[in-house]
PDB file of all heavy atoms in Angstrom:
ATOM      1  N   THR A   1     -15.944  80.850-138.904  1.00  0.00           N
ATOM      2  CA  THR A   1     -14.946  81.858-139.227  1.00  0.00           C
ATOM      3  C   THR A   1     -14.590  82.602-137.948  1.00  0.00           C
ATOM      4  O   THR A   1     -15.472  83.100-137.248  1.00  0.00           O
ATOM      5  CB  THR A   1     -15.497  82.854-140.262  1.00  0.00           C
ATOM      6  OG1 THR A   1     -15.946  82.123-141.411  1.00  0.00           O
ATOM      7  CG2 THR A   1     -14.432  83.857-140.663  1.00  0.00           C
ATOM      8  N   GLY A   2     -13.278  82.660-137.642  1.00  0.00           N
ATOM      9  CA  GLY A   2     -12.877  83.320-136.401  1.00  0.00           C
ATOM     10  C   GLY A   2     -11.421  83.691-136.380  1.00  0.00           C
ATOM     11  O   GLY A   2     -10.731  83.614-137.397  1.00  0.00           O
ATOM     12  N   GLN A   3     -10.951  84.075-135.201  1.00  0.00           N
ATOM     13  CA  GLN A   3      -9.560  84.505-135.059  1.00  0.00           C
ATOM     14  C   GLN A   3      -9.047  84.241-133.658  1.00  0.00           C
ATOM     15  O   GLN A   3      -9.800  84.192-132.690  1.00  0.00           O
ATOM     16  CB  GLN A   3      -9.446  86.000-135.372  1.00  0.00           C
ATOM     17  CG  GLN A   3     -10.257  86.887-134.441  1.00  0.00           C
ATOM     18  CD  GLN A   3     -10.187  88.356-134.816  1.00  0.00           C
ATOM     19  OE1 GLN A   3      -9.716  88.710-135.887  1.00  0.00           O
ATOM     20  NE2 GLN A   3     -10.645  89.226-133.916  1.00  0.00           N
ATOM     21  N   PHE A   4      -7.719  84.078-133.566  1.00  0.00           N
ATOM     22  CA  PHE A   4      -7.031  83.920-132.290  1.00  0.00           C
ATOM     23  C   PHE A   4      -6.550  85.266-131.780  1.00  0.00           C
ATOM     24  O   PHE A   4      -6.222  86.169-132.550  1.00  0.00           O
ATOM     25  CB  PHE A   4      -5.793  83.025-132.448  1.00  0.00           C
ATOM     26  CG  PHE A   4      -6.104  81.560-132.523  1.00  0.00           C
ATOM     27  CD1 PHE A   4      -6.039  80.883-133.727  1.00  0.00           C
ATOM     28  CD2 PHE A   4      -6.438  80.852-131.381  1.00  0.00           C
ATOM     29  CE1 PHE A   4      -6.318  79.530-133.806  1.00  0.00           C
ATOM     30  CE2 PHE A   4      -6.708  79.495-131.437  1.00  0.00           C
ATOM     31  CZ  PHE A   4      -6.641  78.834-132.648  1.00  0.00           C
ATOM     32  N   SER A   5      -6.489  85.384-130.470  1.00  0.00           N
ATOM     33  CA  SER A   5      -5.783  86.500-129.839  1.00  0.00           C
ATOM     34  C   SER A   5      -5.220  85.992-128.522  1.00  0.00           C
ATOM     35  O   SER A   5      -5.627  84.943-128.011  1.00  0.00           O
ATOM     36  CB  SER A   5      -6.712  87.695-129.612  1.00  0.00           C
ATOM     37  OG  SER A   5      -7.799  87.326-128.788  1.00  0.00           O
ATOM     38  N   THR A   6      -4.249  86.725-127.985  1.00  0.00           N
ATOM     39  CA  THR A   6      -3.670  86.322-126.707  1.00  0.00           C
ATOM     40  C   THR A   6      -4.610  86.702-125.570  1.00  0.00           C
ATOM     41  O   THR A   6      -5.387  87.652-125.666  1.00  0.00           O
ATOM     42  CB  THR A   6      -2.306  86.980-126.492  1.00  0.00           C
ATOM     43  OG1 THR A   6      -2.472  88.401-126.561  1.00  0.00           O
ATOM     44  CG2 THR A   6      -1.308  86.520-127.540  1.00  0.00           C
ATOM     45  N   ASP A   7      -4.550  85.948-124.497  1.00  0.00           N
ATOM     46  CA  ASP A   7      -5.365  86.196-123.311  1.00  0.00           C
ATOM     47  C   ASP A   7      -4.401  86.340-122.136  1.00  0.00           C
ATOM     48  O   ASP A   7      -3.991  85.345-121.537  1.00  0.00           O
ATOM     49  CB  ASP A   7      -6.338  85.035-123.093  1.00  0.00           C
ATOM     50  CG  ASP A   7      -7.416  85.359-122.065  1.00  0.00           C
ATOM     51  OD1 ASP A   7      -7.558  86.540-121.720  1.00  0.00           O
ATOM     52  OD2 ASP A   7      -8.112  84.426-121.614  1.00  0.00           O
ATOM     53  N   GLY A   8      -4.006  87.599-121.866  1.00  0.00           N
ATOM     54  CA  GLY A   8      -2.961  87.815-120.872  1.00  0.00           C
ATOM     55  C   GLY A   8      -1.630  87.331-121.402  1.00  0.00           C
ATOM     56  O   GLY A   8      -1.397  87.254-122.611  1.00  0.00           O
ATOM     57  N   ASN A   9      -0.733  86.952-120.496  1.00  0.00           N
ATOM     58  CA  ASN A   9       0.584  86.479-120.924  1.00  0.00           C
ATOM     59  C   ASN A   9       0.708  84.959-120.903  1.00  0.00           C
ATOM     60  O   ASN A   9       1.792  84.420-121.121  1.00  0.00           O
ATOM     61  CB  ASN A   9       1.685  87.110-120.058  1.00  0.00           C
ATOM     62  CG  ASN A   9       1.487  86.796-118.575  1.00  0.00           C
ATOM     63  OD1 ASN A   9       0.641  85.975-118.223  1.00  0.00           O
ATOM     64  ND2 ASN A   9       2.263  87.452-117.731  1.00  0.00           N
ATOM     65  N   ASN A  10      -0.413  84.268-120.628  1.00  0.00           N
ATOM     66  CA  ASN A  10      -0.313  82.805-120.547  1.00  0.00           C
ATOM     67  C   ASN A  10      -1.533  82.100-121.159  1.00  0.00           C
ATOM     68  O   ASN A  10      -1.789  80.941-120.856  1.00  0.00           O
ATOM     69  CB  ASN A  10      -0.166  82.363-119.094  1.00  0.00           C
ATOM     70  CG  ASN A  10      -1.392  82.693-118.258  1.00  0.00           C
ATOM     71  OD1 ASN A  10      -2.145  83.605-118.584  1.00  0.00           O
ATOM     72  ND2 ASN A  10      -1.582  81.956-117.177  1.00  0.00           N
ATOM     73  N   GLY A  11      -2.275  82.814-122.019  1.00  0.00           N
ATOM     74  CA  GLY A  11      -3.470  82.182-122.562  1.00  0.00           C
ATOM     75  C   GLY A  11      -3.793  82.603-123.973  1.00  0.00           C
ATOM     76  O   GLY A  11      -3.179  83.518-124.548  1.00  0.00           O
ATOM     77  N   LEU A  12      -4.793  81.902-124.548  1.00  0.00           N
ATOM     78  CA  LEU A  12      -5.303  82.205-125.880  1.00  0.00           C
ATOM     79  C   LEU A  12      -6.822  82.282-125.803  1.00  0.00           C
ATOM     80  O   LEU A  12      -7.454  81.627-124.972  1.00  0.00           O
ATOM     81  CB  LEU A  12      -4.927  81.099-126.872  1.00  0.00           C
ATOM     82  CG  LEU A  12      -3.450  80.797-127.089  1.00  0.00           C
ATOM     83  CD1 LEU A  12      -3.311  79.538-127.955  1.00  0.00           C
ATOM     84  CD2 LEU A  12      -2.743  81.974-127.747  1.00  0.00           C
ATOM     85  N   VAL A  13      -7.389  83.062-126.702  1.00  0.00           N
ATOM     86  CA  VAL A  13      -8.833  83.077-126.855  1.00  0.00           C
ATOM     87  C   VAL A  13      -9.150  83.019-128.339  1.00  0.00           C
ATOM     88  O   VAL A  13      -8.519  83.709-129.146  1.00  0.00           O
ATOM     89  CB  VAL A  13      -9.478  84.308-126.184  1.00  0.00           C
ATOM     90  CG1 VAL A  13      -8.935  85.615-126.759  1.00  0.00           C
ATOM     91  CG2 VAL A  13     -10.997  84.269-126.331  1.00  0.00           C
ATOM     92  N   TYR A  14     -10.081  82.135-128.689  1.00  0.00           N
ATOM     93  CA  TYR A  14     -10.514  82.013-130.078  1.00  0.00           C
ATOM     94  C   TYR A  14     -11.973  82.435-130.135  1.00  0.00           C
ATOM     95  O   TYR A  14     -12.832  81.860-129.446  1.00  0.00           O
ATOM     96  CB  TYR A  14     -10.353  80.581-130.575  1.00  0.00           C
ATOM     97  CG  TYR A  14     -10.735  80.403-132.028  1.00  0.00           C
ATOM     98  CD1 TYR A  14      -9.917  80.898-133.034  1.00  0.00           C
ATOM     99  CD2 TYR A  14     -11.919  79.769-132.391  1.00  0.00           C
ATOM    100  CE1 TYR A  14     -10.264  80.754-134.374  1.00  0.00           C
ATOM    101  CE2 TYR A  14     -12.269  79.616-133.727  1.00  0.00           C
ATOM    102  CZ  TYR A  14     -11.436  80.116-134.713  1.00  0.00           C
ATOM    103  OH  TYR A  14     -11.784  79.980-136.037  1.00  0.00           O
ATOM    104  N   THR A  15     -12.272  83.431-130.939  1.00  0.00           N
ATOM    105  CA  THR A  15     -13.645  83.906-131.109  1.00  0.00           C
ATOM    106  C   THR A  15     -14.078  83.663-132.542  1.00  0.00           C
ATOM    107  O   THR A  15     -13.301  83.887-133.480  1.00  0.00           O
ATOM    108  CB  THR A  15     -13.763  85.406-130.787  1.00  0.00           C
ATOM    109  OG1 THR A  15     -12.824  86.136-131.581  1.00  0.00           O
ATOM    110  CG2 THR A  15     -13.492  85.666-129.317  1.00  0.00           C
ATOM    111  N   ALA A  16     -15.326  83.210-132.716  1.00  0.00           N
ATOM    112  CA  ALA A  16     -15.776  82.844-134.060  1.00  0.00           C
ATOM    113  C   ALA A  16     -17.290  82.834-134.113  1.00  0.00           C
ATOM    114  O   ALA A  16     -17.981  83.005-133.098  1.00  0.00           O
ATOM    115  CB  ALA A  16     -15.223  81.476-134.436  1.00  0.00           C
ATOM    116  N   SER A  17     -17.807  82.608-135.319  1.00  0.00           N
ATOM    117  CA  SER A  17     -19.236  82.383-135.510  1.00  0.00           C
ATOM    118  C   SER A  17     -19.412  81.292-136.555  1.00  0.00           C
ATOM    119  O   SER A  17     -18.605  81.175-137.484  1.00  0.00           O
ATOM    120  CB  SER A  17     -19.947  83.667-135.943  1.00  0.00           C
ATOM    121  OG  SER A  17     -19.395  84.146-137.159  1.00  0.00           O
ATOM    122  N   LEU A  18     -20.444  80.488-136.388  1.00  0.00           N
ATOM    123  CA  LEU A  18     -20.705  79.413-137.333  1.00  0.00           C
ATOM    124  C   LEU A  18     -21.106  79.995-138.686  1.00  0.00           C
ATOM    125  O   LEU A  18     -21.809  80.992-138.764  1.00  0.00           O
ATOM    126  CB  LEU A  18     -21.818  78.502-136.817  1.00  0.00           C
ATOM    127  CG  LEU A  18     -21.524  77.718-135.537  1.00  0.00           C
ATOM    128  CD1 LEU A  18     -22.702  76.813-135.194  1.00  0.00           C
ATOM    129  CD2 LEU A  18     -20.255  76.885-135.679  1.00  0.00           C
ATOM    130  N   ASP A  19     -20.669  79.340-139.753  1.00  0.00           N
ATOM    131  CA  ASP A  19     -20.932  79.850-141.098  1.00  0.00           C
ATOM    132  C   ASP A  19     -22.415  79.801-141.459  1.00  0.00           C
ATOM    133  O   ASP A  19     -22.920  80.676-142.150  1.00  0.00           O
ATOM    134  CB  ASP A  19     -20.143  79.039-142.131  1.00  0.00           C
ATOM    135  CG  ASP A  19     -18.635  79.240-141.983  1.00  0.00           C
ATOM    136  OD1 ASP A  19     -18.238  80.266-141.398  1.00  0.00           O
ATOM    137  OD2 ASP A  19     -17.877  78.372-142.448  1.00  0.00           O
ATOM    138  N   ASN A  20     -23.143  78.784-140.982  1.00  0.00           N
ATOM    139  CA  ASN A  20     -24.515  78.616-141.480  1.00  0.00           C
ATOM    140  C   ASN A  20     -25.540  79.471-140.743  1.00  0.00           C
ATOM    141  O   ASN A  20     -26.445  80.011-141.356  1.00  0.00           O
ATOM    142  CB  ASN A  20     -24.931  77.136-141.470  1.00  0.00           C
ATOM    143  CG  ASN A  20     -24.812  76.512-140.099  1.00  0.00           C
ATOM    144  OD1 ASN A  20     -24.460  77.167-139.128  1.00  0.00           O
ATOM    145  ND2 ASN A  20     -25.110  75.227-140.024  1.00  0.00           N
ATOM    146  N   ASN A  21     -25.438  79.595-139.423  1.00  0.00           N
ATOM    147  CA  ASN A  21     -26.458  80.369-138.712  1.00  0.00           C
ATOM    148  C   ASN A  21     -25.900  81.542-137.905  1.00  0.00           C
ATOM    149  O   ASN A  21     -26.649  82.225-137.195  1.00  0.00           O
ATOM    150  CB  ASN A  21     -27.296  79.465-137.797  1.00  0.00           C
ATOM    151  CG  ASN A  21     -26.490  78.867-136.664  1.00  0.00           C
ATOM    152  OD1 ASN A  21     -25.314  79.170-136.497  1.00  0.00           O
ATOM    153  ND2 ASN A  21     -27.117  78.015-135.882  1.00  0.00           N
ATOM    154  N   GLY A  22     -24.591  81.758-137.991  1.00  0.00           N
ATOM    155  CA  GLY A  22     -23.991  82.922-137.343  1.00  0.00           C
ATOM    156  C   GLY A  22     -23.869  82.836-135.834  1.00  0.00           C
ATOM    157  O   GLY A  22     -23.539  83.839-135.180  1.00  0.00           O
ATOM    158  N   MET A  23     -24.120  81.670-135.252  1.00  0.00           N
ATOM    159  CA  MET A  23     -24.020  81.551-133.796  1.00  0.00           C
ATOM    160  C   MET A  23     -22.587  81.818-133.335  1.00  0.00           C
ATOM    161  O   MET A  23     -21.639  81.187-133.819  1.00  0.00           O
ATOM    162  CB  MET A  23     -24.455  80.163-133.320  1.00  0.00           C
ATOM    163  CG  MET A  23     -24.497  80.036-131.803  1.00  0.00           C
ATOM    164  SD  MET A  23     -25.316  78.518-131.235  1.00  0.00           S
ATOM    165  CE  MET A  23     -24.089  77.285-131.655  1.00  0.00           C
ATOM    166  N   LYS A  24     -22.432  82.750-132.414  1.00  0.00           N
ATOM    167  CA  LYS A  24     -21.100  83.133-131.939  1.00  0.00           C
ATOM    168  C   LYS A  24     -20.640  82.196-130.826  1.00  0.00           C
ATOM    169  O   LYS A  24     -21.443  81.700-130.035  1.00  0.00           O
ATOM    170  CB  LYS A  24     -21.114  84.574-131.433  1.00  0.00           C
ATOM    171  CG  LYS A  24     -21.398  85.603-132.513  1.00  0.00           C
ATOM    172  CD  LYS A  24     -21.440  87.014-131.931  1.00  0.00           C
ATOM    173  CE  LYS A  24     -21.747  88.039-133.027  1.00  0.00           C
ATOM    174  NZ  LYS A  24     -21.846  89.414-132.470  1.00  0.00           N
ATOM    175  N   TYR A  25     -19.325  81.982-130.793  1.00  0.00           N
ATOM    176  CA  TYR A  25     -18.775  81.185-129.691  1.00  0.00           C
ATOM    177  C   TYR A  25     -17.364  81.653-129.369  1.00  0.00           C
ATOM    178  O   TYR A  25     -16.716  82.364-130.162  1.00  0.00           O
ATOM    179  CB  TYR A  25     -18.811  79.693-130.014  1.00  0.00           C
ATOM    180  CG  TYR A  25     -17.882  79.225-131.114  1.00  0.00           C
ATOM    181  CD1 TYR A  25     -16.604  78.744-130.818  1.00  0.00           C
ATOM    182  CD2 TYR A  25     -18.283  79.220-132.445  1.00  0.00           C
ATOM    183  CE1 TYR A  25     -15.763  78.282-131.809  1.00  0.00           C
ATOM    184  CE2 TYR A  25     -17.449  78.758-133.450  1.00  0.00           C
ATOM    185  CZ  TYR A  25     -16.190  78.286-133.127  1.00  0.00           C
ATOM    186  OH  TYR A  25     -15.359  77.831-134.115  1.00  0.00           O
ATOM    187  N   ALA A  26     -16.919  81.284-128.194  1.00  0.00           N
ATOM    188  CA  ALA A  26     -15.564  81.637-127.752  1.00  0.00           C
ATOM    189  C   ALA A  26     -14.962  80.454-127.008  1.00  0.00           C
ATOM    190  O   ALA A  26     -15.665  79.744-126.276  1.00  0.00           O
ATOM    191  CB  ALA A  26     -15.599  82.866-126.854  1.00  0.00           C
ATOM    192  N   VAL A  27     -13.673  80.253-127.200  1.00  0.00           N
ATOM    193  CA  VAL A  27     -12.920  79.219-126.495  1.00  0.00           C
ATOM    194  C   VAL A  27     -11.689  79.875-125.876  1.00  0.00           C
ATOM    195  O   VAL A  27     -10.930  80.555-126.584  1.00  0.00           O
ATOM    196  CB  VAL A  27     -12.473  78.079-127.445  1.00  0.00           C
ATOM    197  CG1 VAL A  27     -11.689  77.015-126.683  1.00  0.00           C
ATOM    198  CG2 VAL A  27     -13.673  77.464-128.149  1.00  0.00           C
ATOM    199  N   ARG A  28     -11.508  79.704-124.587  1.00  0.00           N
ATOM    200  CA  ARG A  28     -10.331  80.241-123.884  1.00  0.00           C
ATOM    201  C   ARG A  28      -9.493  79.107-123.325  1.00  0.00           C
ATOM    202  O   ARG A  28     -10.034  78.128-122.783  1.00  0.00           O
ATOM    203  CB  ARG A  28     -10.750  81.151-122.722  1.00  0.00           C
ATOM    204  CG  ARG A  28     -11.348  82.467-123.142  1.00  0.00           C
ATOM    205  CD  ARG A  28     -11.701  83.327-121.926  1.00  0.00           C
ATOM    206  NE  ARG A  28     -12.450  84.499-122.352  1.00  0.00           N
ATOM    207  CZ  ARG A  28     -11.895  85.657-122.707  1.00  0.00           C
ATOM    208  NH1 ARG A  28     -10.568  85.796-122.656  1.00  0.00           N
ATOM    209  NH2 ARG A  28     -12.644  86.672-123.097  1.00  0.00           N
ATOM    210  N   ILE A  29      -8.180  79.255-123.460  1.00  0.00           N
ATOM    211  CA  ILE A  29      -7.228  78.308-122.885  1.00  0.00           C
ATOM    212  C   ILE A  29      -6.191  79.093-122.109  1.00  0.00           C
ATOM    213  O   ILE A  29      -5.622  80.064-122.634  1.00  0.00           O
ATOM    214  CB  ILE A  29      -6.507  77.470-123.969  1.00  0.00           C
ATOM    215  CG1 ILE A  29      -7.510  76.804-124.910  1.00  0.00           C
ATOM    216  CG2 ILE A  29      -5.588  76.432-123.331  1.00  0.00           C
ATOM    217  CD1 ILE A  29      -7.587  77.440-126.272  1.00  0.00           C
ATOM    218  N   GLN A  30      -5.982  78.729-120.868  1.00  0.00           N
ATOM    219  CA  GLN A  30      -4.878  79.307-120.100  1.00  0.00           C
ATOM    220  C   GLN A  30      -4.038  78.189-119.517  1.00  0.00           C
ATOM    221  O   GLN A  30      -4.540  77.100-119.225  1.00  0.00           O
ATOM    222  CB  GLN A  30      -5.400  80.204-118.964  1.00  0.00           C
ATOM    223  CG  GLN A  30      -5.756  81.602-119.418  1.00  0.00           C
ATOM    224  CD  GLN A  30      -5.860  82.585-118.267  1.00  0.00           C
ATOM    225  OE1 GLN A  30      -5.329  82.336-117.181  1.00  0.00           O
ATOM    226  NE2 GLN A  30      -6.541  83.702-118.496  1.00  0.00           N
ATOM    227  N   ALA A  31      -2.751  78.468-119.354  1.00  0.00           N
ATOM    228  CA  ALA A  31      -1.840  77.481-118.788  1.00  0.00           C
ATOM    229  C   ALA A  31      -1.066  78.107-117.637  1.00  0.00           C
ATOM    230  O   ALA A  31      -0.720  79.293-117.678  1.00  0.00           O
ATOM    231  CB  ALA A  31      -0.871  76.977-119.865  1.00  0.00           C
TER     232      ALA A  31
END
């Protein structure tokens, strides 16, 4: 379960946690 947000004016960041054990993670993409 997570959500997207913008990362500056040229990127995205997705933050979430796994449903079963709550481990948090983040993925960033910039172009």
